[in-house]
Amino acid sequence: MKSQPPIGGQAVIEGVMMRRGDKVAIAVRNLKNKIVVKKQGVGSVTKKFPILNLPFVRGAVNLIETMKIGMSALSYSANASIDAKDEKLSSGELLWTMIAAIAISLGLFIALPLFLTKLLNVQGVLFNLIDGIIRMGIFMMYLVAISMMRDVKTLFQYHGAEHKSVNCFESGKKLTVVNVRKCSKEHRRCGTTFLLIVMAISIFVFSFVTSPNFLVKLASRILLLPVIAGISYEILKLGAVYQRNFVLNLIIVPGLWLQGLTTREPTMRQIEVAIKAIKAVV
């Protein structure tokens, strides 16, 4: 029997998006206290071009496709969770929001750590190590700062509901609120863990760039992101399969700890939304 693809998802505004293979479902609780579910099929460029599904290549492709699906899900949830009289978010506004988010991320997590490290006047391996430590520090401070925002706290609760429902399903238990509540809010395939792996792997990959020129270092850090994403994706997949491997756990477990920041215990109502989403794709 052909194995089923794993389930992945993300928290959206007042809801949860779930994906399994070519099926996507977005469940949102609207202002009328009703859970609305949007189901759709999605394709992958890897089916048309199998070479893009090769190890260390598929990671970057998957990241781009996931971002595209995620932004679309956020747009839908934003419009579904507001009053019908309010102005809907247009596709153009969504595009510019995505561009701005990417630009801010590159500035905050690539350019700023590089600039701060350059001020220390160090070179070689030490430069890349300090650059990586500063990058992780900024990332941690960013997560702590946004976790204090009320809307983000709600988003993190839905993130917890997403993880709990996936853990419940993957453990073979019936998808009920009671069963889901008992499950862990951490998951080994989480995007938070992936980001932490990316930052750790980047220290190693960037060490191959030996030029002292600031612009060369900056350009290389952006251009090498697909390589880093490809390596990190494979590590994340292996870590989900080989859960008793000591070496892999050294990389994966810190990501699980970090999920203590990006997930919160969900309410029963939020779990109900996550269950609706996961049932729609399984």
C-alpha atoms as a PDB file:
ATOM      1  CA  MET A   1       0.000   0.000   0.000  1.00  0.00           C
ATOM      2  CA  LYS A   2       1.293   3.435  -0.919  1.00  0.00           C
ATOM      3  CA  SER A   3       2.142   5.485   2.164  1.00  0.00           C
ATOM      4  CA  GLN A   4       0.167   8.633   2.751  1.00  0.00           C
ATOM      5  CA  PRO A   5       1.984  11.986   2.710  1.00  0.00           C
ATOM      6  CA  PRO A   6       2.532  13.623   6.102  1.00  0.00           C
ATOM      7  CA  ILE A   7       0.281  16.396   7.359  1.00  0.00           C
ATOM      8  CA  GLY A   8       1.585  19.910   7.796  1.00  0.00           C
ATOM      9  CA  GLY A   9      -0.071  23.175   8.612  1.00  0.00           C
ATOM     10  CA  GLN A  10       0.127  26.600  10.097  1.00  0.00           C
ATOM     11  CA  ALA A  11      -1.858  28.939  12.265  1.00  0.00           C
ATOM     12  CA  VAL A  12      -3.780  31.671  10.467  1.00  0.00           C
ATOM     13  CA  ILE A  13      -5.971  34.523  11.676  1.00  0.00           C
ATOM     14  CA  GLU A  14      -8.625  32.954  13.943  1.00  0.00           C
ATOM     15  CA  GLY A  15      -7.974  29.580  12.404  1.00  0.00           C
ATOM     16  CA  VAL A  16      -5.749  26.816  11.111  1.00  0.00           C
ATOM     17  CA  MET A  17      -4.559  25.732   7.676  1.00  0.00           C
ATOM     18  CA  MET A  18      -3.773  22.065   7.064  1.00  0.00           C
ATOM     19  CA  ARG A  19      -2.111  20.438   4.072  1.00  0.00           C
ATOM     20  CA  ARG A  20      -1.721  16.812   3.141  1.00  0.00           C
ATOM     21  CA  GLY A  21      -0.278  16.078  -0.279  1.00  0.00           C
ATOM     22  CA  ASP A  22      -2.335  17.987  -2.840  1.00  0.00           C
ATOM     23  CA  LYS A  23      -5.158  18.818  -0.404  1.00  0.00           C
ATOM     24  CA  VAL A  24      -5.380  22.070   1.556  1.00  0.00           C
ATOM     25  CA  ALA A  25      -8.058  23.094   4.047  1.00  0.00           C
ATOM     26  CA  ILE A  26      -8.410  26.379   5.918  1.00  0.00           C
ATOM     27  CA  ALA A  27     -10.769  26.473   8.901  1.00  0.00           C
ATOM     28  CA  VAL A  28     -11.654  29.844  10.420  1.00  0.00           C
ATOM     29  CA  ARG A  29     -14.048  30.860  13.187  1.00  0.00           C
ATOM     30  CA  ASN A  30     -15.879  33.952  11.940  1.00  0.00           C
ATOM     31  CA  LEU A  31     -17.582  36.748  13.872  1.00  0.00           C
ATOM     32  CA  LYS A  32     -20.838  34.769  13.897  1.00  0.00           C
ATOM     33  CA  ASN A  33     -19.035  32.064  15.901  1.00  0.00           C
ATOM     34  CA  LYS A  34     -19.316  29.634  12.994  1.00  0.00           C
ATOM     35  CA  ILE A  35     -16.409  27.600  11.676  1.00  0.00           C
ATOM     36  CA  VAL A  36     -16.076  28.063   7.931  1.00  0.00           C
ATOM     37  CA  VAL A  37     -13.879  25.685   5.964  1.00  0.00           C
ATOM     38  CA  LYS A  38     -12.334  26.270   2.570  1.00  0.00           C
ATOM     39  CA  LYS A  39     -10.971  23.212   0.764  1.00  0.00           C
ATOM     40  CA  GLN A  40      -8.834  23.335  -2.340  1.00  0.00           C
ATOM     41  CA  GLY A  41      -6.377  21.294  -4.342  1.00  0.00           C
ATOM     42  CA  VAL A  42      -2.795  22.390  -4.832  1.00  0.00           C
ATOM     43  CA  GLY A  43      -0.186  21.226  -7.279  1.00  0.00           C
ATOM     44  CA  SER A  44       3.555  21.084  -6.980  1.00  0.00           C
ATOM     45  CA  VAL A  45       6.136  21.970  -9.582  1.00  0.00           C
ATOM     46  CA  THR A  46       8.034  18.849  -8.479  1.00  0.00           C
ATOM     47  CA  LYS A  47       5.446  16.671 -10.247  1.00  0.00           C
ATOM     48  CA  LYS A  48       6.130  18.411 -13.541  1.00  0.00           C
ATOM     49  CA  PHE A  49       9.867  18.538 -12.993  1.00  0.00           C
ATOM     50  CA  PRO A  50      10.881  15.484 -10.883  1.00  0.00           C
ATOM     51  CA  ILE A  51      14.472  16.734 -10.678  1.00  0.00           C
ATOM     52  CA  LEU A  52      13.216  19.415  -8.277  1.00  0.00           C
ATOM     53  CA  ASN A  53      12.175  16.667  -5.865  1.00  0.00           C
ATOM     54  CA  LEU A  54      15.710  15.403  -5.389  1.00  0.00           C
ATOM     55  CA  PRO A  55      17.238  15.594  -1.892  1.00  0.00           C
ATOM     56  CA  PHE A  56      18.829  18.959  -1.069  1.00  0.00           C
ATOM     57  CA  VAL A  57      16.877  20.536  -3.952  1.00  0.00           C
ATOM     58  CA  ARG A  58      13.326  19.868  -2.774  1.00  0.00           C
ATOM     59  CA  GLY A  59      13.836  21.828   0.439  1.00  0.00           C
ATOM     60  CA  ALA A  60      14.083  25.219  -1.275  1.00  0.00           C
ATOM     61  CA  VAL A  61      11.208  24.346  -3.639  1.00  0.00           C
ATOM     62  CA  ASN A  62       9.040  23.206  -0.736  1.00  0.00           C
ATOM     63  CA  LEU A  63       9.823  26.382   1.185  1.00  0.00           C
ATOM     64  CA  ILE A  64       8.703  28.612  -1.697  1.00  0.00           C
ATOM     65  CA  GLU A  65       5.528  26.616  -2.291  1.00  0.00           C
ATOM     66  CA  THR A  66       4.738  26.566   1.431  1.00  0.00           C
ATOM     67  CA  MET A  67       5.171  30.343   1.655  1.00  0.00           C
ATOM     68  CA  LYS A  68       2.836  30.825  -1.312  1.00  0.00           C
ATOM     69  CA  ILE A  69       0.148  28.563   0.162  1.00  0.00           C
ATOM     70  CA  GLY A  70       0.623  30.107   3.602  1.00  0.00           C
ATOM     71  CA  MET A  71       0.188  33.673   2.379  1.00  0.00           C
ATOM     72  CA  SER A  72      -2.935  32.672   0.475  1.00  0.00           C
ATOM     73  CA  ALA A  73      -4.310  31.008   3.617  1.00  0.00           C
ATOM     74  CA  LEU A  74      -3.564  34.114   5.690  1.00  0.00           C
ATOM     75  CA  SER A  75      -5.370  36.267   3.137  1.00  0.00           C
ATOM     76  CA  TYR A  76      -8.437  34.034   3.210  1.00  0.00           C
ATOM     77  CA  SER A  77      -8.489  33.881   7.007  1.00  0.00           C
ATOM     78  CA  ALA A  78      -8.151  37.657   7.280  1.00  0.00           C
ATOM     79  CA  ASN A  79     -11.152  38.175   5.023  1.00  0.00           C
ATOM     80  CA  ALA A  80     -13.201  35.343   6.549  1.00  0.00           C
ATOM     81  CA  SER A  81     -12.710  36.555  10.123  1.00  0.00           C
ATOM     82  CA  ILE A  82     -13.840  40.170   9.599  1.00  0.00           C
ATOM     83  CA  ASP A  83     -17.264  41.744   9.287  1.00  0.00           C
ATOM     84  CA  ALA A  84     -18.811  41.622   5.825  1.00  0.00           C
ATOM     85  CA  LYS A  85     -19.028  45.429   5.847  1.00  0.00           C
ATOM     86  CA  ASP A  86     -15.272  45.796   6.294  1.00  0.00           C
ATOM     87  CA  GLU A  87     -12.968  46.175   3.328  1.00  0.00           C
ATOM     88  CA  LYS A  88     -11.491  42.887   2.109  1.00  0.00           C
ATOM     89  CA  LEU A  89      -7.760  42.365   1.612  1.00  0.00           C
ATOM     90  CA  SER A  90      -6.960  42.470  -2.113  1.00  0.00           C
ATOM     91  CA  SER A  91      -4.416  40.257  -3.883  1.00  0.00           C
ATOM     92  CA  GLY A  92      -2.303  43.342  -4.607  1.00  0.00           C
ATOM     93  CA  GLU A  93      -2.194  44.273  -0.939  1.00  0.00           C
ATOM     94  CA  LEU A  94      -1.266  40.692  -0.100  1.00  0.00           C
ATOM     95  CA  LEU A  95       1.610  40.763  -2.607  1.00  0.00           C
ATOM     96  CA  TRP A  96       3.044  44.002  -1.234  1.00  0.00           C
ATOM     97  CA  THR A  97       2.664  42.702   2.328  1.00  0.00           C
ATOM     98  CA  MET A  98       4.626  39.595   1.370  1.00  0.00           C
ATOM     99  CA  ILE A  99       7.364  41.638  -0.339  1.00  0.00           C
ATOM    100  CA  ALA A 100       7.641  43.924   2.681  1.00  0.00           C
ATOM    101  CA  ALA A 101       7.822  40.950   5.056  1.00  0.00           C
ATOM    102  CA  ILE A 102      10.624  39.340   3.046  1.00  0.00           C
ATOM    103  CA  ALA A 103      12.549  42.631   2.862  1.00  0.00           C
ATOM    104  CA  ILE A 104      12.239  43.184   6.626  1.00  0.00           C
ATOM    105  CA  SER A 105      13.331  39.597   7.318  1.00  0.00           C
ATOM    106  CA  LEU A 106      16.425  39.934   5.111  1.00  0.00           C
ATOM    107  CA  GLY A 107      17.325  43.205   6.788  1.00  0.00           C
ATOM    108  CA  LEU A 108      16.724  41.988  10.340  1.00  0.00           C
ATOM    109  CA  PHE A 109      18.182  38.496  10.150  1.00  0.00           C
ATOM    110  CA  ILE A 110      20.829  38.829   7.409  1.00  0.00           C
ATOM    111  CA  ALA A 111      22.041  42.416   6.984  1.00  0.00           C
ATOM    112  CA  LEU A 112      21.870  43.557  10.634  1.00  0.00           C
ATOM    113  CA  PRO A 113      23.850  40.618  12.145  1.00  0.00           C
ATOM    114  CA  LEU A 114      26.423  40.966   9.367  1.00  0.00           C
ATOM    115  CA  PHE A 115      26.815  44.703  10.019  1.00  0.00           C
ATOM    116  CA  LEU A 116      27.105  44.266  13.784  1.00  0.00           C
ATOM    117  CA  THR A 117      29.716  41.514  13.358  1.00  0.00           C
ATOM    118  CA  LYS A 118      31.714  43.689  10.971  1.00  0.00           C
ATOM    119  CA  LEU A 119      31.981  46.337  13.704  1.00  0.00           C
ATOM    120  CA  LEU A 120      33.883  43.831  15.865  1.00  0.00           C
ATOM    121  CA  ASN A 121      36.708  43.672  13.297  1.00  0.00           C
ATOM    122  CA  VAL A 122      37.100  39.871  13.322  1.00  0.00           C
ATOM    123  CA  GLN A 123      37.678  37.523  10.400  1.00  0.00           C
ATOM    124  CA  GLY A 124      37.502  33.882   9.362  1.00  0.00           C
ATOM    125  CA  VAL A 125      35.677  31.225  11.354  1.00  0.00           C
ATOM    126  CA  LEU A 126      35.233  33.559  14.307  1.00  0.00           C
ATOM    127  CA  PHE A 127      33.409  36.085  12.101  1.00  0.00           C
ATOM    128  CA  ASN A 128      30.857  33.500  10.938  1.00  0.00           C
ATOM    129  CA  LEU A 129      30.415  32.108  14.445  1.00  0.00           C
ATOM    130  CA  ILE A 130      29.728  35.537  15.954  1.00  0.00           C
ATOM    131  CA  ASP A 131      27.485  36.431  12.997  1.00  0.00           C
ATOM    132  CA  GLY A 132      25.449  33.269  13.609  1.00  0.00           C
ATOM    133  CA  ILE A 133      25.190  33.856  17.355  1.00  0.00           C
ATOM    134  CA  ILE A 134      24.009  37.437  16.807  1.00  0.00           C
ATOM    135  CA  ARG A 135      21.470  36.211  14.234  1.00  0.00           C
ATOM    136  CA  MET A 136      20.065  33.671  16.682  1.00  0.00           C
ATOM    137  CA  GLY A 137      19.988  36.292  19.419  1.00  0.00           C
ATOM    138  CA  ILE A 138      18.020  38.720  17.254  1.00  0.00           C
ATOM    139  CA  PHE A 139      15.647  35.902  16.279  1.00  0.00           C
ATOM    140  CA  MET A 140      15.029  35.013  19.934  1.00  0.00           C
ATOM    141  CA  MET A 141      14.449  38.639  20.925  1.00  0.00           C
ATOM    142  CA  TYR A 142      12.056  39.026  17.976  1.00  0.00           C
ATOM    143  CA  LEU A 143      10.021  36.006  19.093  1.00  0.00           C
ATOM    144  CA  VAL A 144       9.899  37.207  22.706  1.00  0.00           C
ATOM    145  CA  ALA A 145       8.811  40.697  21.599  1.00  0.00           C
ATOM    146  CA  ILE A 146       5.989  39.587  19.293  1.00  0.00           C
ATOM    147  CA  SER A 147       4.791  36.933  21.757  1.00  0.00           C
ATOM    148  CA  MET A 148       3.700  39.769  24.050  1.00  0.00           C
ATOM    149  CA  MET A 149       1.205  41.087  21.476  1.00  0.00           C
ATOM    150  CA  ARG A 150      -2.384  40.005  22.098  1.00  0.00           C
ATOM    151  CA  ASP A 151      -3.136  39.040  18.483  1.00  0.00           C
ATOM    152  CA  VAL A 152       0.113  37.069  18.247  1.00  0.00           C
ATOM    153  CA  LYS A 153      -0.719  35.220  21.461  1.00  0.00           C
ATOM    154  CA  THR A 154      -3.981  34.114  19.836  1.00  0.00           C
ATOM    155  CA  LEU A 155      -2.062  33.072  16.710  1.00  0.00           C
ATOM    156  CA  PHE A 156       0.331  31.034  18.860  1.00  0.00           C
ATOM    157  CA  GLN A 157      -2.658  29.348  20.534  1.00  0.00           C
ATOM    158  CA  TYR A 158      -3.915  28.258  17.123  1.00  0.00           C
ATOM    159  CA  HIS A 159      -0.358  27.094  16.403  1.00  0.00           C
ATOM    160  CA  GLY A 160      -0.607  24.917  19.492  1.00  0.00           C
ATOM    161  CA  ALA A 161      -4.009  23.632  18.361  1.00  0.00           C
ATOM    162  CA  GLU A 162      -2.523  22.730  14.968  1.00  0.00           C
ATOM    163  CA  HIS A 163       0.303  20.731  16.549  1.00  0.00           C
ATOM    164  CA  LYS A 164      -1.950  18.992  19.059  1.00  0.00           C
ATOM    165  CA  SER A 165      -4.413  17.869  16.400  1.00  0.00           C
ATOM    166  CA  VAL A 166      -1.646  16.579  14.104  1.00  0.00           C
ATOM    167  CA  ASN A 167      -0.035  14.713  17.016  1.00  0.00           C
ATOM    168  CA  CYS A 168      -3.420  13.240  17.899  1.00  0.00           C
ATOM    169  CA  PHE A 169      -4.020  12.055  14.339  1.00  0.00           C
ATOM    170  CA  GLU A 170      -0.506  10.658  13.916  1.00  0.00           C
ATOM    171  CA  SER A 171      -0.801   8.747  17.186  1.00  0.00           C
ATOM    172  CA  GLY A 172      -3.886   6.970  15.820  1.00  0.00           C
ATOM    173  CA  LYS A 173      -6.323   8.456  18.301  1.00  0.00           C
ATOM    174  CA  LYS A 174      -9.814   9.641  17.406  1.00  0.00           C
ATOM    175  CA  LEU A 175      -9.937  13.361  16.627  1.00  0.00           C
ATOM    176  CA  THR A 176     -11.958  14.691  19.538  1.00  0.00           C
ATOM    177  CA  VAL A 177     -11.392  17.803  21.646  1.00  0.00           C
ATOM    178  CA  VAL A 178     -10.665  15.661  24.707  1.00  0.00           C
ATOM    179  CA  ASN A 179      -8.049  13.541  22.909  1.00  0.00           C
ATOM    180  CA  VAL A 180      -6.430  16.506  21.179  1.00  0.00           C
ATOM    181  CA  ARG A 181      -6.091  18.459  24.451  1.00  0.00           C
ATOM    182  CA  LYS A 182      -4.010  15.614  25.922  1.00  0.00           C
ATOM    183  CA  CYS A 183      -1.476  15.701  23.074  1.00  0.00           C
ATOM    184  CA  SER A 184       1.753  17.688  22.974  1.00  0.00           C
ATOM    185  CA  LYS A 185       1.766  21.188  21.518  1.00  0.00           C
ATOM    186  CA  GLU A 186       5.289  20.600  20.159  1.00  0.00           C
ATOM    187  CA  HIS A 187       5.957  18.849  16.856  1.00  0.00           C
ATOM    188  CA  ARG A 188       9.236  17.747  15.277  1.00  0.00           C
ATOM    189  CA  ARG A 189       8.324  18.979  11.766  1.00  0.00           C
ATOM    190  CA  CYS A 190       7.418  22.494  12.929  1.00  0.00           C
ATOM    191  CA  GLY A 191       8.571  25.534  10.969  1.00  0.00           C
ATOM    192  CA  THR A 192      10.048  27.009  14.159  1.00  0.00           C
ATOM    193  CA  THR A 193      12.432  24.058  14.388  1.00  0.00           C
ATOM    194  CA  PHE A 194      13.216  24.429  10.686  1.00  0.00           C
ATOM    195  CA  LEU A 195      14.179  28.087  11.163  1.00  0.00           C
ATOM    196  CA  LEU A 196      16.477  27.231  14.047  1.00  0.00           C
ATOM    197  CA  ILE A 197      18.159  24.530  11.938  1.00  0.00           C
ATOM    198  CA  VAL A 198      18.548  27.068   9.115  1.00  0.00           C
ATOM    199  CA  MET A 199      20.377  29.445  11.444  1.00  0.00           C
ATOM    200  CA  ALA A 200      22.668  26.703  12.733  1.00  0.00           C
ATOM    201  CA  ILE A 201      23.478  25.363   9.241  1.00  0.00           C
ATOM    202  CA  SER A 202      24.072  28.889   7.934  1.00  0.00           C
ATOM    203  CA  ILE A 203      27.092  29.245  10.239  1.00  0.00           C
ATOM    204  CA  PHE A 204      28.699  26.252   8.510  1.00  0.00           C
ATOM    205  CA  VAL A 205      27.718  27.202   4.943  1.00  0.00           C
ATOM    206  CA  PHE A 206      28.734  30.858   5.264  1.00  0.00           C
ATOM    207  CA  SER A 207      32.184  29.778   6.451  1.00  0.00           C
ATOM    208  CA  PHE A 208      32.993  28.888   2.834  1.00  0.00           C
ATOM    209  CA  VAL A 209      32.711  32.581   1.891  1.00  0.00           C
ATOM    210  CA  THR A 210      36.183  33.888   2.656  1.00  0.00           C
ATOM    211  CA  SER A 211      35.988  37.325   1.066  1.00  0.00           C
ATOM    212  CA  PRO A 212      36.363  40.174   3.598  1.00  0.00           C
ATOM    213  CA  ASN A 213      34.219  42.452   1.414  1.00  0.00           C
ATOM    214  CA  PHE A 214      30.950  43.367   3.176  1.00  0.00           C
ATOM    215  CA  LEU A 215      28.841  43.431   0.001  1.00  0.00           C
ATOM    216  CA  VAL A 216      30.172  40.048  -1.117  1.00  0.00           C
ATOM    217  CA  LYS A 217      29.304  38.574   2.275  1.00  0.00           C
ATOM    218  CA  LEU A 218      25.831  40.116   2.160  1.00  0.00           C
ATOM    219  CA  ALA A 219      25.116  38.914  -1.394  1.00  0.00           C
ATOM    220  CA  SER A 220      26.410  35.421  -0.633  1.00  0.00           C
ATOM    221  CA  ARG A 221      24.189  35.147   2.433  1.00  0.00           C
ATOM    222  CA  ILE A 222      21.119  35.848   0.322  1.00  0.00           C
ATOM    223  CA  LEU A 223      22.170  33.688  -2.648  1.00  0.00           C
ATOM    224  CA  LEU A 224      23.076  30.724  -0.434  1.00  0.00           C
ATOM    225  CA  LEU A 225      19.674  30.662   1.311  1.00  0.00           C
ATOM    226  CA  PRO A 226      18.300  27.968  -1.092  1.00  0.00           C
ATOM    227  CA  VAL A 227      21.334  25.765  -0.305  1.00  0.00           C
ATOM    228  CA  ILE A 228      20.843  26.217   3.435  1.00  0.00           C
ATOM    229  CA  ALA A 229      17.096  25.571   3.122  1.00  0.00           C
ATOM    230  CA  GLY A 230      17.797  22.364   1.174  1.00  0.00           C
ATOM    231  CA  ILE A 231      20.187  21.001   3.807  1.00  0.00           C
ATOM    232  CA  SER A 232      17.940  22.052   6.707  1.00  0.00           C
ATOM    233  CA  TYR A 233      14.887  20.422   5.115  1.00  0.00           C
ATOM    234  CA  GLU A 234      16.641  17.059   4.870  1.00  0.00           C
ATOM    235  CA  ILE A 235      17.780  17.273   8.505  1.00  0.00           C
ATOM    236  CA  LEU A 236      14.227  18.117   9.603  1.00  0.00           C
ATOM    237  CA  LYS A 237      12.826  15.117   7.696  1.00  0.00           C
ATOM    238  CA  LEU A 238      15.442  12.767   9.125  1.00  0.00           C
ATOM    239  CA  GLY A 239      14.827  14.111  12.628  1.00  0.00           C
ATOM    240  CA  ALA A 240      11.106  13.346  12.301  1.00  0.00           C
ATOM    241  CA  VAL A 241      11.803   9.757  11.198  1.00  0.00           C
ATOM    242  CA  TYR A 242      14.740   8.841  13.443  1.00  0.00           C
ATOM    243  CA  GLN A 243      13.503  10.229  16.735  1.00  0.00           C
ATOM    244  CA  ARG A 244      15.963   8.232  18.845  1.00  0.00           C
ATOM    245  CA  ASN A 245      19.073   9.313  16.943  1.00  0.00           C
ATOM    246  CA  PHE A 246      21.347  11.167  19.363  1.00  0.00           C
ATOM    247  CA  VAL A 247      23.043  13.394  16.766  1.00  0.00           C
ATOM    248  CA  LEU A 248      19.782  14.399  15.098  1.00  0.00           C
ATOM    249  CA  ASN A 249      18.207  15.129  18.476  1.00  0.00           C
ATOM    250  CA  LEU A 250      21.034  17.531  19.276  1.00  0.00           C
ATOM    251  CA  ILE A 251      19.751  19.576  16.325  1.00  0.00           C
ATOM    252  CA  ILE A 252      15.990  18.960  16.622  1.00  0.00           C
ATOM    253  CA  VAL A 253      15.419  19.193  20.397  1.00  0.00           C
ATOM    254  CA  PRO A 254      16.433  22.890  20.726  1.00  0.00           C
ATOM    255  CA  GLY A 255      13.746  23.608  18.129  1.00  0.00           C
ATOM    256  CA  LEU A 256      11.196  21.813  20.296  1.00  0.00           C
ATOM    257  CA  TRP A 257      12.255  23.969  23.240  1.00  0.00           C
ATOM    258  CA  LEU A 258      11.875  27.075  21.104  1.00  0.00           C
ATOM    259  CA  GLN A 259       8.303  26.032  20.307  1.00  0.00           C
ATOM    260  CA  GLY A 260       7.597  26.886  23.926  1.00  0.00           C
ATOM    261  CA  LEU A 261       7.640  30.473  22.661  1.00  0.00           C
ATOM    262  CA  THR A 262       5.759  30.014  19.386  1.00  0.00           C
ATOM    263  CA  THR A 263       2.961  27.788  20.695  1.00  0.00           C
ATOM    264  CA  ARG A 264       0.448  28.331  23.488  1.00  0.00           C
ATOM    265  CA  GLU A 265      -2.117  26.055  25.075  1.00  0.00           C
ATOM    266  CA  PRO A 266      -5.259  26.425  22.921  1.00  0.00           C
ATOM    267  CA  THR A 267      -8.831  26.755  24.093  1.00  0.00           C
ATOM    268  CA  MET A 268     -11.457  24.127  23.330  1.00  0.00           C
ATOM    269  CA  ARG A 269     -12.939  26.434  20.682  1.00  0.00           C
ATOM    270  CA  GLN A 270      -9.567  26.737  18.961  1.00  0.00           C
ATOM    271  CA  ILE A 271      -9.069  22.979  19.042  1.00  0.00           C
ATOM    272  CA  GLU A 272     -12.464  22.561  17.372  1.00  0.00           C
ATOM    273  CA  VAL A 273     -11.242  24.719  14.489  1.00  0.00           C
ATOM    274  CA  ALA A 274      -8.030  22.697  14.122  1.00  0.00           C
ATOM    275  CA  ILE A 275     -10.000  19.429  14.090  1.00  0.00           C
ATOM    276  CA  LYS A 276     -12.254  20.765  11.319  1.00  0.00           C
ATOM    277  CA  ALA A 277      -9.178  21.649   9.251  1.00  0.00           C
ATOM    278  CA  ILE A 278      -7.443  18.313   9.691  1.00  0.00           C
ATOM    279  CA  LYS A 279     -10.584  16.287   9.019  1.00  0.00           C
ATOM    280  CA  ALA A 280     -11.017  18.157   5.743  1.00  0.00           C
ATOM    281  CA  VAL A 281      -7.718  16.820   4.393  1.00  0.00           C
ATOM    282  CA  VAL A 282      -7.807  13.254   5.780  1.00  0.00           C
END
